[in-house]
Amino acid sequence: MPLYKSINPNSQTTVKIWKIDESYDDLMQSIQLKPESLKRVLGMKSELHRRGFLSVRCLLAEFGYQDSDLFYDEHGKPHLKDGKQISITHSFNFSAVIISDLIIGIDIEKQRDKITIIAHKFIDYESDYLNEDDKHYVEKLTAIWCIKESLYKLFATPGLSFKEHCLVIPFSNNDNQTIAWIDYKTKKRRYSIHFFTFEGFTCAYAIF
């Protein structure tokens, strides 16, 4: 099983990343799904999405959990029955799970030029320190998107806007940590952010 990377940012938190090399059939044979999960995966039209879904269950097994230990609330936020915090992500041939006693969120995205087309939809303050002529521009945009997506998953509040309510403090090309804020209605919260790149992908996770 291709566990790609395991990270322990602190004593209460573990991140595990899976590289999805297996076929759909091989993944299906390696795990046991509860009936509603089986129905969900069989209803997916994209094999890439099916494999991503199943690889997340493989990651759960790496943590010592089963699919039956995972459930989702009315906002689609995942939870574990033992009360631990969990966040899940997958993009193309990578998936990741973060589990912690703390409040957390995670995202993986493939670095693609087309993110420049939608940048105006999710950056505001960040445009002050971004340079479109920087050769790392796409990489930085992808990092900001991942950071804001991880905040969105963590905050799990309808109406939260990447552009209006999430702010990422400036970071340099060599950084792998920064600070981000959520400023939403009466709530203003500061989050520690870790991010890194690998094989043309970016992963970011937020910890509160």
Protein backbone atom coordinates (compact mmCIF):
# COMPACT_ATOMS: atom_id res chain seq x y z
CA MET A 1 0.00 0.00 0.00
CA PRO A 2 1.54 3.31 -1.07
CA LEU A 3 1.55 5.46 2.06
CA TYR A 4 3.44 8.40 0.59
CA LYS A 5 4.20 10.50 3.65
CA SER A 6 3.43 10.71 7.35
CA ILE A 7 3.91 13.97 9.29
CA ASN A 8 3.58 14.80 12.97
CA PRO A 9 3.42 18.62 13.26
CA ASN A 10 2.86 18.31 17.01
CA SER A 11 2.20 15.64 19.64
CA GLN A 12 -1.55 15.81 19.08
CA THR A 13 -1.67 15.81 15.28
CA THR A 14 -0.80 13.40 12.46
CA VAL A 15 -1.02 13.89 8.69
CA LYS A 16 -0.89 10.94 6.30
CA ILE A 17 -0.71 11.22 2.49
CA TRP A 18 -1.52 8.41 0.06
CA LYS A 19 -0.31 8.12 -3.52
CA ILE A 20 -3.08 6.41 -5.44
CA ASP A 21 -1.27 3.84 -7.57
CA GLU A 22 -3.76 1.00 -7.16
CA SER A 23 -6.66 0.18 -9.42
CA TYR A 24 -10.24 0.66 -8.30
CA ASP A 25 -10.67 -3.10 -7.93
CA ASP A 26 -7.52 -3.47 -5.81
CA LEU A 27 -8.64 -0.66 -3.52
CA MET A 28 -12.11 -2.16 -3.15
CA GLN A 29 -10.65 -5.49 -2.13
CA SER A 30 -8.41 -3.94 0.53
CA ILE A 31 -11.13 -2.29 2.65
CA GLN A 32 -14.58 -2.90 4.09
CA LEU A 33 -17.25 -0.26 3.49
CA LYS A 34 -20.47 0.35 5.38
CA PRO A 35 -23.60 0.13 3.16
CA GLU A 36 -24.05 3.90 2.68
CA SER A 37 -20.38 4.30 1.68
CA LEU A 38 -20.64 1.44 -0.78
CA LYS A 39 -23.74 3.03 -2.32
CA ARG A 40 -21.95 6.35 -2.54
CA VAL A 41 -18.82 5.01 -4.26
CA LEU A 42 -20.83 2.88 -6.70
CA GLY A 43 -22.77 5.99 -7.68
CA MET A 44 -19.65 7.96 -8.62
CA LYS A 45 -19.22 8.35 -12.37
CA SER A 46 -15.51 9.19 -12.26
CA GLU A 47 -13.09 6.36 -11.50
CA LEU A 48 -10.61 8.99 -10.30
CA HIS A 49 -13.14 10.10 -7.66
CA ARG A 50 -13.93 6.50 -6.72
CA ARG A 51 -10.26 5.73 -6.22
CA GLY A 52 -9.81 8.92 -4.19
CA PHE A 53 -12.74 7.99 -1.97
CA LEU A 54 -11.38 4.49 -1.40
CA SER A 55 -7.81 5.67 -0.78
CA VAL A 56 -9.11 7.86 2.04
CA ARG A 57 -10.52 4.70 3.65
CA CYS A 58 -7.09 3.11 3.26
CA LEU A 59 -5.63 6.08 5.10
CA LEU A 60 -8.19 5.63 7.87
CA ALA A 61 -6.92 2.08 8.24
CA GLU A 62 -3.38 3.45 8.59
CA PHE A 63 -4.66 5.41 11.58
CA GLY A 64 -6.36 2.33 13.01
CA TYR A 65 -9.90 3.32 12.00
CA GLN A 66 -12.53 1.70 9.79
CA ASP A 67 -15.01 3.30 7.42
CA SER A 68 -17.69 2.66 10.04
CA ASP A 69 -15.85 5.02 12.45
CA LEU A 70 -16.41 7.97 10.08
CA PHE A 71 -19.58 10.01 9.67
CA TYR A 72 -20.58 13.39 8.23
CA ASP A 73 -22.74 16.16 9.69
CA GLU A 74 -25.39 18.22 7.90
CA HIS A 75 -22.71 20.57 6.50
CA GLY A 76 -20.69 17.68 5.04
CA LYS A 77 -17.94 17.97 7.67
CA PRO A 78 -16.39 14.59 8.58
CA HIS A 79 -16.24 13.37 12.18
CA LEU A 80 -14.88 10.35 14.00
CA LYS A 81 -16.98 8.46 16.52
CA ASP A 82 -14.26 8.68 19.18
CA GLY A 83 -14.38 12.50 19.11
CA LYS A 84 -11.01 13.08 17.43
CA GLN A 85 -10.91 15.88 14.84
CA ILE A 86 -10.50 14.80 11.20
CA SER A 87 -10.17 16.51 7.82
CA ILE A 88 -9.97 14.81 4.42
CA THR A 89 -8.82 15.78 0.93
CA HIS A 90 -7.94 14.23 -2.42
CA SER A 91 -6.79 15.59 -5.76
CA PHE A 92 -6.02 13.46 -8.81
CA ASN A 93 -3.65 10.71 -7.61
CA PHE A 94 -3.07 11.94 -4.05
CA SER A 95 -5.23 11.91 -0.94
CA ALA A 96 -4.59 12.99 2.64
CA VAL A 97 -6.12 12.73 6.09
CA ILE A 98 -5.25 14.78 9.17
CA ILE A 99 -6.38 13.64 12.63
CA SER A 100 -5.87 15.61 15.83
CA ASP A 101 -7.13 16.52 19.28
CA LEU A 102 -7.06 20.10 17.95
CA ILE A 103 -9.31 21.76 15.38
CA ILE A 104 -7.80 21.17 11.94
CA GLY A 105 -8.37 21.36 8.17
CA ILE A 106 -6.39 20.08 5.17
CA ASP A 107 -6.33 20.45 1.39
CA ILE A 108 -4.29 19.11 -1.53
CA GLU A 109 -4.39 20.67 -5.00
CA LYS A 110 -2.54 20.08 -8.24
CA GLN A 111 -0.59 23.12 -9.40
CA ARG A 112 -2.16 24.23 -12.69
CA ASP A 113 -1.92 27.47 -14.67
CA LYS A 114 -5.69 27.82 -14.85
CA ILE A 115 -5.75 28.90 -11.19
CA THR A 116 -4.63 32.34 -12.44
CA ILE A 117 -7.99 32.69 -14.19
CA ILE A 118 -9.96 32.36 -10.96
CA ALA A 119 -7.47 34.12 -8.66
CA HIS A 120 -9.67 37.23 -8.45
CA LYS A 121 -12.38 35.10 -6.86
CA PHE A 122 -10.38 34.04 -3.81
CA ILE A 123 -7.62 36.65 -3.21
CA ASP A 124 -7.97 40.22 -1.98
CA TYR A 125 -5.43 41.29 0.65
CA GLU A 126 -2.98 38.71 -0.78
CA SER A 127 -2.74 40.59 -4.08
CA ASP A 128 -0.64 43.19 -2.24
CA TYR A 129 2.27 40.77 -1.96
CA LEU A 130 1.77 38.59 -5.07
CA ASN A 131 3.55 39.32 -8.35
CA GLU A 132 2.17 37.88 -11.56
CA ASP A 133 5.66 37.97 -13.09
CA ASP A 134 7.09 35.80 -10.31
CA LYS A 135 8.00 32.36 -11.69
CA HIS A 136 6.49 30.93 -8.50
CA TYR A 137 3.18 32.76 -9.00
CA VAL A 138 1.10 29.64 -9.76
CA GLU A 139 2.71 27.79 -6.87
CA LYS A 140 1.94 30.66 -4.48
CA LEU A 141 -1.65 30.98 -5.71
CA THR A 142 -2.12 27.25 -5.22
CA ALA A 143 -0.73 27.48 -1.70
CA ILE A 144 -3.14 30.32 -0.87
CA TRP A 145 -6.07 28.37 -2.30
CA CYS A 146 -5.08 25.29 -0.25
CA ILE A 147 -4.72 27.37 2.90
CA LYS A 148 -8.12 28.98 2.45
CA GLU A 149 -9.72 25.64 1.59
CA SER A 150 -8.26 24.13 4.77
CA LEU A 151 -9.67 27.07 6.75
CA TYR A 152 -13.06 26.59 5.13
CA LYS A 153 -13.10 22.91 6.11
CA LEU A 154 -11.97 23.72 9.62
CA PHE A 155 -14.45 26.56 10.20
CA ALA A 156 -17.37 24.66 8.61
CA THR A 157 -19.70 27.66 8.61
CA PRO A 158 -22.09 28.38 5.72
CA GLY A 159 -21.47 31.78 4.16
CA LEU A 160 -17.72 31.88 4.76
CA SER A 161 -15.99 33.51 1.77
CA PHE A 162 -12.41 32.76 0.73
CA LYS A 163 -12.01 36.31 -0.55
CA GLU A 164 -13.89 38.29 2.08
CA HIS A 165 -13.29 36.38 5.30
CA CYS A 166 -9.97 34.48 4.94
CA LEU A 167 -6.62 36.29 5.03
CA VAL A 168 -3.19 34.72 4.48
CA ILE A 169 -0.14 36.52 5.91
CA PRO A 170 2.74 37.01 3.39
CA PHE A 171 5.19 34.17 2.90
CA SER A 172 8.33 33.73 0.78
CA ASN A 173 9.24 31.07 -1.76
CA ASN A 174 11.26 29.12 0.80
CA ASP A 175 8.70 29.22 3.60
CA ASN A 176 6.63 26.23 4.66
CA GLN A 177 4.71 27.93 7.46
CA THR A 178 2.61 31.05 7.80
CA ILE A 179 -0.32 32.51 9.72
CA ALA A 180 -3.87 32.93 8.45
CA TRP A 181 -6.93 34.64 9.86
CA ILE A 182 -10.65 34.16 9.60
CA ASP A 183 -12.59 37.38 10.13
CA TYR A 184 -16.26 36.40 9.94
CA LYS A 185 -19.01 38.46 11.53
CA THR A 186 -18.17 38.59 15.26
CA LYS A 187 -15.47 35.92 15.04
CA LYS A 188 -11.80 36.73 14.41
CA ARG A 189 -9.44 33.77 14.74
CA ARG A 190 -5.77 33.14 14.08
CA TYR A 191 -4.50 29.84 12.66
CA SER A 192 -1.09 28.22 12.29
CA ILE A 193 -0.54 27.07 8.72
CA HIS A 194 1.87 24.47 7.33
CA PHE A 195 2.27 23.90 3.58
CA PHE A 196 4.61 22.12 1.19
CA THR A 197 4.89 21.04 -2.44
CA PHE A 198 5.58 17.63 -3.96
CA GLU A 199 5.35 16.14 -7.46
CA GLY A 200 3.52 19.20 -8.80
CA PHE A 201 1.02 19.31 -5.93
CA THR A 202 0.59 21.54 -2.90
CA CYS A 203 -0.68 20.45 0.51
CA ALA A 204 -1.68 22.84 3.29
CA TYR A 205 -3.12 22.20 6.71
CA ALA A 206 -4.46 24.60 9.34
CA ILE A 207 -4.33 24.05 13.10
CA PHE A 208 -6.25 25.99 15.73
